[in-house]
Amino acid sequence: AEQELDGEKSTIEVVLVRKNTTTAGFTAIGPSEATDNPAAI
């Protein structure tokens, strides 16, 4: 997602994963187009 907050632009990346009966969410927020939710994490 692209976000504007107080005139600043940033990127939000959200990953939601189901493993068996559990869901886990991962979020990364950073400067516009520079965000990455590392696959290794």
PDB file of all heavy atoms in Angstrom:
ATOM      1  N   ALA A   1       0.849  -1.194   0.000  1.00  0.00           N
ATOM      2  CA  ALA A   1       0.000   0.000   0.000  1.00  0.00           C
ATOM      3  C   ALA A   1       0.882   1.240   0.000  1.00  0.00           C
ATOM      4  O   ALA A   1       1.957   1.256   0.596  1.00  0.00           O
ATOM      5  CB  ALA A   1      -0.909   0.011   1.224  1.00  0.00           C
ATOM      6  N   GLU A   2       0.410   2.271  -0.679  1.00  0.00           N
ATOM      7  CA  GLU A   2       1.086   3.563  -0.651  1.00  0.00           C
ATOM      8  C   GLU A   2       0.332   4.458   0.310  1.00  0.00           C
ATOM      9  O   GLU A   2      -0.892   4.549   0.240  1.00  0.00           O
ATOM     10  CB  GLU A   2       1.129   4.165  -2.045  1.00  0.00           C
ATOM     11  CG  GLU A   2       1.977   3.363  -3.009  1.00  0.00           C
ATOM     12  CD  GLU A   2       1.959   3.913  -4.424  1.00  0.00           C
ATOM     13  OE1 GLU A   2       1.332   4.963  -4.662  1.00  0.00           O
ATOM     14  OE2 GLU A   2       2.566   3.273  -5.295  1.00  0.00           O
ATOM     15  N   GLN A   3       1.063   5.119   1.207  1.00  0.00           N
ATOM     16  CA  GLN A   3       0.457   5.927   2.260  1.00  0.00           C
ATOM     17  C   GLN A   3       0.982   7.356   2.204  1.00  0.00           C
ATOM     18  O   GLN A   3       2.146   7.589   1.907  1.00  0.00           O
ATOM     19  CB  GLN A   3       0.825   5.313   3.611  1.00  0.00           C
ATOM     20  CG  GLN A   3       0.478   6.176   4.797  1.00  0.00           C
ATOM     21  CD  GLN A   3       0.968   5.576   6.084  1.00  0.00           C
ATOM     22  OE1 GLN A   3       0.203   4.917   6.755  1.00  0.00           O
ATOM     23  NE2 GLN A   3       2.220   5.772   6.438  1.00  0.00           N
ATOM     24  N   GLU A   4       0.088   8.315   2.506  1.00  0.00           N
ATOM     25  CA  GLU A   4       0.484   9.706   2.699  1.00  0.00           C
ATOM     26  C   GLU A   4       0.089  10.090   4.117  1.00  0.00           C
ATOM     27  O   GLU A   4      -1.056   9.931   4.512  1.00  0.00           O
ATOM     28  CB  GLU A   4      -0.219  10.624   1.704  1.00  0.00           C
ATOM     29  CG  GLU A   4       0.266  10.484   0.284  1.00  0.00           C
ATOM     30  CD  GLU A   4      -0.451  11.419  -0.676  1.00  0.00           C
ATOM     31  OE1 GLU A   4      -1.053  12.420  -0.231  1.00  0.00           O
ATOM     32  OE2 GLU A   4      -0.417  11.126  -1.878  1.00  0.00           O
ATOM     33  N   LEU A   5       1.063  10.571   4.889  1.00  0.00           N
ATOM     34  CA  LEU A   5       0.840  10.965   6.274  1.00  0.00           C
ATOM     35  C   LEU A   5       1.663  12.213   6.540  1.00  0.00           C
ATOM     36  O   LEU A   5       2.876  12.194   6.367  1.00  0.00           O
ATOM     37  CB  LEU A   5       1.242   9.836   7.222  1.00  0.00           C
ATOM     38  CG  LEU A   5       1.137  10.095   8.715  1.00  0.00           C
ATOM     39  CD1 LEU A   5      -0.316  10.325   9.127  1.00  0.00           C
ATOM     40  CD2 LEU A   5       1.721   8.919   9.486  1.00  0.00           C
ATOM     41  N   ASP A   6       1.016  13.286   6.911  1.00  0.00           N
ATOM     42  CA  ASP A   6       1.697  14.560   7.175  1.00  0.00           C
ATOM     43  C   ASP A   6       2.550  15.002   5.996  1.00  0.00           C
ATOM     44  O   ASP A   6       3.673  15.492   6.164  1.00  0.00           O
ATOM     45  CB  ASP A   6       2.553  14.474   8.439  1.00  0.00           C
ATOM     46  CG  ASP A   6       1.735  14.221   9.688  1.00  0.00           C
ATOM     47  OD1 ASP A   6       0.570  14.661   9.730  1.00  0.00           O
ATOM     48  OD2 ASP A   6       2.267  13.582  10.612  1.00  0.00           O
ATOM     49  N   GLY A   7       2.057  14.806   4.785  1.00  0.00           N
ATOM     50  CA  GLY A   7       2.768  15.225   3.582  1.00  0.00           C
ATOM     51  C   GLY A   7       3.907  14.310   3.157  1.00  0.00           C
ATOM     52  O   GLY A   7       4.545  14.543   2.148  1.00  0.00           O
ATOM     53  N   GLU A   8       4.176  13.278   3.922  1.00  0.00           N
ATOM     54  CA  GLU A   8       5.236  12.316   3.611  1.00  0.00           C
ATOM     55  C   GLU A   8       4.631  11.062   3.000  1.00  0.00           C
ATOM     56  O   GLU A   8       3.622  10.561   3.475  1.00  0.00           O
ATOM     57  CB  GLU A   8       6.002  11.924   4.879  1.00  0.00           C
ATOM     58  CG  GLU A   8       6.697  13.066   5.571  1.00  0.00           C
ATOM     59  CD  GLU A   8       7.944  13.522   4.840  1.00  0.00           C
ATOM     60  OE1 GLU A   8       8.649  12.661   4.264  1.00  0.00           O
ATOM     61  OE2 GLU A   8       8.197  14.735   4.830  1.00  0.00           O
ATOM     62  N   LYS A   9       5.281  10.537   1.960  1.00  0.00           N
ATOM     63  CA  LYS A   9       4.830   9.295   1.340  1.00  0.00           C
ATOM     64  C   LYS A   9       5.657   8.142   1.864  1.00  0.00           C
ATOM     65  O   LYS A   9       6.852   8.264   2.098  1.00  0.00           O
ATOM     66  CB  LYS A   9       4.962   9.385  -0.176  1.00  0.00           C
ATOM     67  CG  LYS A   9       4.007  10.373  -0.793  1.00  0.00           C
ATOM     68  CD  LYS A   9       4.100  10.351  -2.292  1.00  0.00           C
ATOM     69  CE  LYS A   9       3.107  11.345  -2.882  1.00  0.00           C
ATOM     70  NZ  LYS A   9       3.112  11.308  -4.338  1.00  0.00           N
ATOM     71  N   SER A  10       4.995   7.017   2.060  1.00  0.00           N
ATOM     72  CA  SER A  10       5.691   5.802   2.476  1.00  0.00           C
ATOM     73  C   SER A  10       4.981   4.592   1.895  1.00  0.00           C
ATOM     74  O   SER A  10       3.878   4.691   1.370  1.00  0.00           O
ATOM     75  CB  SER A  10       5.761   5.702   4.003  1.00  0.00           C
ATOM     76  OG  SER A  10       4.465   5.664   4.551  1.00  0.00           O
ATOM     77  N   THR A  11       5.643   3.465   1.999  1.00  0.00           N
ATOM     78  CA  THR A  11       5.099   2.211   1.506  1.00  0.00           C
ATOM     79  C   THR A  11       4.897   1.266   2.691  1.00  0.00           C
ATOM     80  O   THR A  11       5.740   1.189   3.575  1.00  0.00           O
ATOM     81  CB  THR A  11       6.062   1.571   0.481  1.00  0.00           C
ATOM     82  OG1 THR A  11       6.238   2.484  -0.606  1.00  0.00           O
ATOM     83  CG2 THR A  11       5.521   0.264  -0.049  1.00  0.00           C
ATOM     84  N   ILE A  12       3.765   0.583   2.679  1.00  0.00           N
ATOM     85  CA  ILE A  12       3.455  -0.410   3.704  1.00  0.00           C
ATOM     86  C   ILE A  12       3.324  -1.757   3.004  1.00  0.00           C
ATOM     87  O   ILE A  12       2.567  -1.879   2.039  1.00  0.00           O
ATOM     88  CB  ILE A  12       2.130  -0.086   4.421  1.00  0.00           C
ATOM     89  CG1 ILE A  12       2.163   1.307   5.024  1.00  0.00           C
ATOM     90  CG2 ILE A  12       1.812  -1.144   5.478  1.00  0.00           C
ATOM     91  CD1 ILE A  12       0.808   1.790   5.500  1.00  0.00           C
ATOM     92  N   GLU A  13       4.053  -2.735   3.476  1.00  0.00           N
ATOM     93  CA  GLU A  13       3.922  -4.083   2.933  1.00  0.00           C
ATOM     94  C   GLU A  13       3.387  -4.982   4.033  1.00  0.00           C
ATOM     95  O   GLU A  13       3.928  -5.010   5.134  1.00  0.00           O
ATOM     96  CB  GLU A  13       5.262  -4.601   2.435  1.00  0.00           C
ATOM     97  CG  GLU A  13       5.120  -5.944   1.745  1.00  0.00           C
ATOM     98  CD  GLU A  13       6.417  -6.418   1.148  1.00  0.00           C
ATOM     99  OE1 GLU A  13       6.967  -5.731   0.282  1.00  0.00           O
ATOM    100  OE2 GLU A  13       6.870  -7.494   1.573  1.00  0.00           O
ATOM    101  N   VAL A  14       2.304  -5.698   3.728  1.00  0.00           N
ATOM    102  CA  VAL A  14       1.663  -6.583   4.692  1.00  0.00           C
ATOM    103  C   VAL A  14       1.615  -7.988   4.107  1.00  0.00           C
ATOM    104  O   VAL A  14       1.207  -8.177   2.965  1.00  0.00           O
ATOM    105  CB  VAL A  14       0.223  -6.103   5.008  1.00  0.00           C
ATOM    106  CG1 VAL A  14      -0.469  -7.061   5.957  1.00  0.00           C
ATOM    107  CG2 VAL A  14       0.241  -4.692   5.565  1.00  0.00           C
ATOM    108  N   VAL A  15       2.035  -8.964   4.902  1.00  0.00           N
ATOM    109  CA  VAL A  15       1.942 -10.377   4.524  1.00  0.00           C
ATOM    110  C   VAL A  15       1.190 -11.086   5.636  1.00  0.00           C
ATOM    111  O   VAL A  15       1.537 -10.948   6.809  1.00  0.00           O
ATOM    112  CB  VAL A  15       3.338 -11.014   4.338  1.00  0.00           C
ATOM    113  CG1 VAL A  15       3.210 -12.493   4.000  1.00  0.00           C
ATOM    114  CG2 VAL A  15       4.136 -10.289   3.270  1.00  0.00           C
ATOM    115  N   LEU A  16       0.153 -11.820   5.286  1.00  0.00           N
ATOM    116  CA  LEU A  16      -0.604 -12.618   6.240  1.00  0.00           C
ATOM    117  C   LEU A  16      -0.480 -14.074   5.799  1.00  0.00           C
ATOM    118  O   LEU A  16      -0.760 -14.397   4.641  1.00  0.00           O
ATOM    119  CB  LEU A  16      -2.068 -12.191   6.279  1.00  0.00           C
ATOM    120  CG  LEU A  16      -2.943 -12.893   7.294  1.00  0.00           C
ATOM    121  CD1 LEU A  16      -2.510 -12.539   8.713  1.00  0.00           C
ATOM    122  CD2 LEU A  16      -4.400 -12.526   7.091  1.00  0.00           C
ATOM    123  N   VAL A  17      -0.039 -14.938   6.716  1.00  0.00           N
ATOM    124  CA  VAL A  17       0.243 -16.332   6.388  1.00  0.00           C
ATOM    125  C   VAL A  17      -0.541 -17.246   7.310  1.00  0.00           C
ATOM    126  O   VAL A  17      -0.636 -16.996   8.509  1.00  0.00           O
ATOM    127  CB  VAL A  17       1.756 -16.626   6.551  1.00  0.00           C
ATOM    128  CG1 VAL A  17       2.061 -18.074   6.209  1.00  0.00           C
ATOM    129  CG2 VAL A  17       2.580 -15.683   5.703  1.00  0.00           C
ATOM    130  N   ARG A  18      -1.090 -18.333   6.735  1.00  0.00           N
ATOM    131  CA  ARG A  18      -1.725 -19.378   7.546  1.00  0.00           C
ATOM    132  C   ARG A  18      -0.828 -20.597   7.533  1.00  0.00           C
ATOM    133  O   ARG A  18      -0.385 -21.059   6.480  1.00  0.00           O
ATOM    134  CB  ARG A  18      -3.088 -19.772   6.988  1.00  0.00           C
ATOM    135  CG  ARG A  18      -3.752 -20.899   7.825  1.00  0.00           C
ATOM    136  CD  ARG A  18      -5.081 -21.342   7.269  1.00  0.00           C
ATOM    137  NE  ARG A  18      -4.976 -22.039   6.005  1.00  0.00           N
ATOM    138  CZ  ARG A  18      -4.659 -23.330   5.860  1.00  0.00           C
ATOM    139  NH1 ARG A  18      -4.384 -24.085   6.911  1.00  0.00           N
ATOM    140  NH2 ARG A  18      -4.607 -23.871   4.665  1.00  0.00           N
ATOM    141  N   LYS A  19      -0.532 -21.114   8.706  1.00  0.00           N
ATOM    142  CA  LYS A  19       0.212 -22.367   8.868  1.00  0.00           C
ATOM    143  C   LYS A  19      -0.629 -23.227   9.801  1.00  0.00           C
ATOM    144  O   LYS A  19      -0.812 -22.879  10.977  1.00  0.00           O
ATOM    145  CB  LYS A  19       1.590 -22.091   9.455  1.00  0.00           C
ATOM    146  CG  LYS A  19       2.424 -23.314   9.677  1.00  0.00           C
ATOM    147  CD  LYS A  19       2.989 -23.831   8.384  1.00  0.00           C
ATOM    148  CE  LYS A  19       3.959 -24.963   8.695  1.00  0.00           C
ATOM    149  NZ  LYS A  19       4.505 -25.530   7.508  1.00  0.00           N
ATOM    150  N   ASN A  20      -1.204 -24.302   9.269  1.00  0.00           N
ATOM    151  CA  ASN A  20      -2.142 -25.143  10.022  1.00  0.00           C
ATOM    152  C   ASN A  20      -3.294 -24.279  10.532  1.00  0.00           C
ATOM    153  O   ASN A  20      -4.010 -23.708   9.746  1.00  0.00           O
ATOM    154  CB  ASN A  20      -1.424 -25.894  11.146  1.00  0.00           C
ATOM    155  CG  ASN A  20      -0.344 -26.807  10.632  1.00  0.00           C
ATOM    156  OD1 ASN A  20      -0.539 -27.482   9.627  1.00  0.00           O
ATOM    157  ND2 ASN A  20       0.798 -26.825  11.286  1.00  0.00           N
ATOM    158  N   THR A  21      -3.445 -24.150  11.838  1.00  0.00           N
ATOM    159  CA  THR A  21      -4.576 -23.389  12.385  1.00  0.00           C
ATOM    160  C   THR A  21      -4.172 -21.989  12.852  1.00  0.00           C
ATOM    161  O   THR A  21      -4.978 -21.288  13.454  1.00  0.00           O
ATOM    162  CB  THR A  21      -5.200 -24.135  13.579  1.00  0.00           C
ATOM    163  OG1 THR A  21      -4.217 -24.282  14.605  1.00  0.00           O
ATOM    164  CG2 THR A  21      -5.735 -25.495  13.159  1.00  0.00           C
ATOM    165  N   THR A  22      -2.952 -21.594  12.566  1.00  0.00           N
ATOM    166  CA  THR A  22      -2.441 -20.310  13.049  1.00  0.00           C
ATOM    167  C   THR A  22      -2.270 -19.328  11.891  1.00  0.00           C
ATOM    168  O   THR A  22      -1.787 -19.705  10.825  1.00  0.00           O
ATOM    169  CB  THR A  22      -1.079 -20.506  13.747  1.00  0.00           C
ATOM    170  OG1 THR A  22      -1.249 -21.436  14.816  1.00  0.00           O
ATOM    171  CG2 THR A  22      -0.536 -19.200  14.296  1.00  0.00           C
ATOM    172  N   THR A  23      -2.653 -18.077  12.127  1.00  0.00           N
ATOM    173  CA  THR A  23      -2.351 -17.014  11.164  1.00  0.00           C
ATOM    174  C   THR A  23      -1.313 -16.094  11.793  1.00  0.00           C
ATOM    175  O   THR A  23      -1.356 -15.813  12.987  1.00  0.00           O
ATOM    176  CB  THR A  23      -3.600 -16.197  10.771  1.00  0.00           C
ATOM    177  OG1 THR A  23      -4.209 -15.679  11.947  1.00  0.00           O
ATOM    178  CG2 THR A  23      -4.592 -17.036  10.004  1.00  0.00           C
ATOM    179  N   ALA A  24      -0.385 -15.656  10.971  1.00  0.00           N
ATOM    180  CA  ALA A  24       0.664 -14.738  11.421  1.00  0.00           C
ATOM    181  C   ALA A  24       0.757 -13.595  10.427  1.00  0.00           C
ATOM    182  O   ALA A  24       0.676 -13.812   9.217  1.00  0.00           O
ATOM    183  CB  ALA A  24       2.002 -15.468  11.515  1.00  0.00           C
ATOM    184  N   GLY A  25       0.903 -12.389  10.944  1.00  0.00           N
ATOM    185  CA  GLY A  25       0.997 -11.211  10.085  1.00  0.00           C
ATOM    186  C   GLY A  25       2.358 -10.555  10.208  1.00  0.00           C
ATOM    187  O   GLY A  25       2.952 -10.520  11.285  1.00  0.00           O
ATOM    188  N   PHE A  26       2.859 -10.054   9.092  1.00  0.00           N
ATOM    189  CA  PHE A  26       4.142  -9.370   9.031  1.00  0.00           C
ATOM    190  C   PHE A  26       3.932  -8.049   8.308  1.00  0.00           C
ATOM    191  O   PHE A  26       3.336  -8.014   7.234  1.00  0.00           O
ATOM    192  CB  PHE A  26       5.170 -10.225   8.278  1.00  0.00           C
ATOM    193  CG  PHE A  26       5.306 -11.608   8.856  1.00  0.00           C
ATOM    194  CD1 PHE A  26       4.524 -12.652   8.391  1.00  0.00           C
ATOM    195  CD2 PHE A  26       6.204 -11.847   9.887  1.00  0.00           C
ATOM    196  CE1 PHE A  26       4.640 -13.926   8.923  1.00  0.00           C
ATOM    197  CE2 PHE A  26       6.327 -13.121  10.431  1.00  0.00           C
ATOM    198  CZ  PHE A  26       5.546 -14.157   9.955  1.00  0.00           C
ATOM    199  N   THR A  27       4.439  -6.970   8.881  1.00  0.00           N
ATOM    200  CA  THR A  27       4.259  -5.648   8.293  1.00  0.00           C
ATOM    201  C   THR A  27       5.601  -4.935   8.241  1.00  0.00           C
ATOM    202  O   THR A  27       6.369  -4.972   9.209  1.00  0.00           O
ATOM    203  CB  THR A  27       3.292  -4.801   9.141  1.00  0.00           C
ATOM    204  OG1 THR A  27       2.059  -5.506   9.269  1.00  0.00           O
ATOM    205  CG2 THR A  27       3.016  -3.462   8.493  1.00  0.00           C
ATOM    206  N   ALA A  28       5.876  -4.296   7.113  1.00  0.00           N
ATOM    207  CA  ALA A  28       7.066  -3.466   6.961  1.00  0.00           C
ATOM    208  C   ALA A  28       6.619  -2.108   6.436  1.00  0.00           C
ATOM    209  O   ALA A  28       5.785  -2.035   5.537  1.00  0.00           O
ATOM    210  CB  ALA A  28       8.055  -4.112   5.999  1.00  0.00           C
ATOM    211  N   ILE A  29       7.154  -1.042   7.031  1.00  0.00           N
ATOM    212  CA  ILE A  29       6.827   0.322   6.607  1.00  0.00           C
ATOM    213  C   ILE A  29       8.130   1.057   6.369  1.00  0.00           C
ATOM    214  O   ILE A  29       9.048   0.983   7.190  1.00  0.00           O
ATOM    215  CB  ILE A  29       6.002   1.066   7.682  1.00  0.00           C
ATOM    216  CG1 ILE A  29       4.727   0.295   7.992  1.00  0.00           C
ATOM    217  CG2 ILE A  29       5.683   2.483   7.231  1.00  0.00           C
ATOM    218  CD1 ILE A  29       3.945   0.848   9.170  1.00  0.00           C
ATOM    219  N   GLY A  30       8.206   1.755   5.252  1.00  0.00           N
ATOM    220  CA  GLY A  30       9.429   2.492   4.959  1.00  0.00           C
ATOM    221  C   GLY A  30       9.198   3.587   3.948  1.00  0.00           C
ATOM    222  O   GLY A  30       8.071   3.810   3.498  1.00  0.00           O
ATOM    223  N   PRO A  31      10.275   4.269   3.583  1.00  0.00           N
ATOM    224  CA  PRO A  31      10.153   5.343   2.586  1.00  0.00           C
ATOM    225  C   PRO A  31       9.531   4.815   1.302  1.00  0.00           C
ATOM    226  O   PRO A  31       9.636   3.634   0.989  1.00  0.00           O
ATOM    227  CB  PRO A  31      11.594   5.773   2.353  1.00  0.00           C
ATOM    228  CG  PRO A  31      12.365   5.254   3.513  1.00  0.00           C
ATOM    229  CD  PRO A  31      11.633   4.049   4.006  1.00  0.00           C
ATOM    230  N   SER A  32       8.903   5.695   0.564  1.00  0.00           N
ATOM    231  CA  SER A  32       8.206   5.318  -0.661  1.00  0.00           C
ATOM    232  C   SER A  32       9.053   4.405  -1.545  1.00  0.00           C
ATOM    233  O   SER A  32      10.201   4.701  -1.841  1.00  0.00           O
ATOM    234  CB  SER A  32       7.802   6.576  -1.432  1.00  0.00           C
ATOM    235  OG  SER A  32       6.973   6.234  -2.504  1.00  0.00           O
ATOM    236  N   GLU A  33       8.490   3.288  -1.928  1.00  0.00           N
ATOM    237  CA  GLU A  33       9.073   2.286  -2.826  1.00  0.00           C
ATOM    238  C   GLU A  33      10.374   1.665  -2.323  1.00  0.00           C
ATOM    239  O   GLU A  33      11.115   1.078  -3.084  1.00  0.00           O
ATOM    240  CB  GLU A  33       9.255   2.870  -4.224  1.00  0.00           C
ATOM    241  CG  GLU A  33       7.926   3.283  -4.851  1.00  0.00           C
ATOM    242  CD  GLU A  33       8.079   3.757  -6.275  1.00  0.00           C
ATOM    243  OE1 GLU A  33       8.984   3.289  -6.976  1.00  0.00           O
ATOM    244  OE2 GLU A  33       7.270   4.597  -6.682  1.00  0.00           O
ATOM    245  N   ALA A  34      10.672   1.764  -1.023  1.00  0.00           N
ATOM    246  CA  ALA A  34      11.901   1.189  -0.496  1.00  0.00           C
ATOM    247  C   ALA A  34      11.626   0.133   0.569  1.00  0.00           C
ATOM    248  O   ALA A  34      12.513  -0.246   1.296  1.00  0.00           O
ATOM    249  CB  ALA A  34      12.780   2.295   0.083  1.00  0.00           C
ATOM    250  N   THR A  35      10.406  -0.345   0.650  1.00  0.00           N
ATOM    251  CA  THR A  35      10.028  -1.271   1.707  1.00  0.00           C
ATOM    252  C   THR A  35      10.068  -2.701   1.191  1.00  0.00           C
ATOM    253  O   THR A  35       9.694  -2.979   0.077  1.00  0.00           O
ATOM    254  CB  THR A  35       8.613  -0.944   2.203  1.00  0.00           C
ATOM    255  OG1 THR A  35       8.617   0.402   2.624  1.00  0.00           O
ATOM    256  CG2 THR A  35       8.194  -1.813   3.350  1.00  0.00           C
ATOM    257  N   ASP A  36      10.498  -3.603   2.051  1.00  0.00           N
ATOM    258  CA  ASP A  36      10.502  -5.012   1.690  1.00  0.00           C
ATOM    259  C   ASP A  36      10.313  -5.826   2.957  1.00  0.00           C
ATOM    260  O   ASP A  36      10.985  -5.589   3.954  1.00  0.00           O
ATOM    261  CB  ASP A  36      11.815  -5.389   1.015  1.00  0.00           C
ATOM    262  CG  ASP A  36      11.809  -6.813   0.483  1.00  0.00           C
ATOM    263  OD1 ASP A  36      10.728  -7.340   0.191  1.00  0.00           O
ATOM    264  OD2 ASP A  36      12.893  -7.387   0.364  1.00  0.00           O
ATOM    265  N   ASN A  37       9.381  -6.750   2.929  1.00  0.00           N
ATOM    266  CA  ASN A  37       9.170  -7.680   4.033  1.00  0.00           C
ATOM    267  C   ASN A  37      10.069  -8.867   3.727  1.00  0.00           C
ATOM    268  O   ASN A  37       9.724  -9.706   2.901  1.00  0.00           O
ATOM    269  CB  ASN A  37       7.696  -8.103   4.061  1.00  0.00           C
ATOM    270  CG  ASN A  37       7.110  -8.062   5.429  1.00  0.00           C
ATOM    271  OD1 ASN A  37       7.801  -8.252   6.406  1.00  0.00           O
ATOM    272  ND2 ASN A  37       5.821  -7.824   5.500  1.00  0.00           N
ATOM    273  N   PRO A  38      11.249  -8.942   4.314  1.00  0.00           N
ATOM    274  CA  PRO A  38      12.225  -9.960   3.918  1.00  0.00           C
ATOM    275  C   PRO A  38      11.681 -11.382   4.017  1.00  0.00           C
ATOM    276  O   PRO A  38      11.195 -11.793   5.066  1.00  0.00           O
ATOM    277  CB  PRO A  38      13.383  -9.752   4.893  1.00  0.00           C
ATOM    278  CG  PRO A  38      13.211  -8.350   5.389  1.00  0.00           C
ATOM    279  CD  PRO A  38      11.722  -8.113   5.395  1.00  0.00           C
ATOM    280  N   ALA A  39      11.784 -12.117   2.928  1.00  0.00           N
ATOM    281  CA  ALA A  39      11.295 -13.496   2.877  1.00  0.00           C
ATOM    282  C   ALA A  39      11.999 -14.362   3.915  1.00  0.00           C
ATOM    283  O   ALA A  39      11.387 -15.268   4.482  1.00  0.00           O
ATOM    284  CB  ALA A  39      11.485 -14.066   1.474  1.00  0.00           C
ATOM    285  N   ALA A  40      13.265 -14.082   4.203  1.00  0.00           N
ATOM    286  CA  ALA A  40      14.008 -14.877   5.180  1.00  0.00           C
ATOM    287  C   ALA A  40      13.410 -14.734   6.579  1.00  0.00           C
ATOM    288  O   ALA A  40      13.359 -15.697   7.338  1.00  0.00           O
ATOM    289  CB  ALA A  40      15.480 -14.458   5.190  1.00  0.00           C
ATOM    290  N   ILE A  41      12.943 -13.537   6.927  1.00  0.00           N
ATOM    291  CA  ILE A  41      12.329 -13.323   8.240  1.00  0.00           C
ATOM    292  C   ILE A  41      11.003 -14.059   8.330  1.00  0.00           C
ATOM    293  O   ILE A  41      10.708 -14.724   9.319  1.00  0.00           O
ATOM    294  CB  ILE A  41      12.163 -11.818   8.531  1.00  0.00           C
ATOM    295  CG1 ILE A  41      13.551 -11.186   8.709  1.00  0.00           C
ATOM    296  CG2 ILE A  41      11.286 -11.590   9.766  1.00  0.00           C
ATOM    297  CD1 ILE A  41      13.547  -9.697   8.859  1.00  0.00           C
TER     298      ILE A  41
END
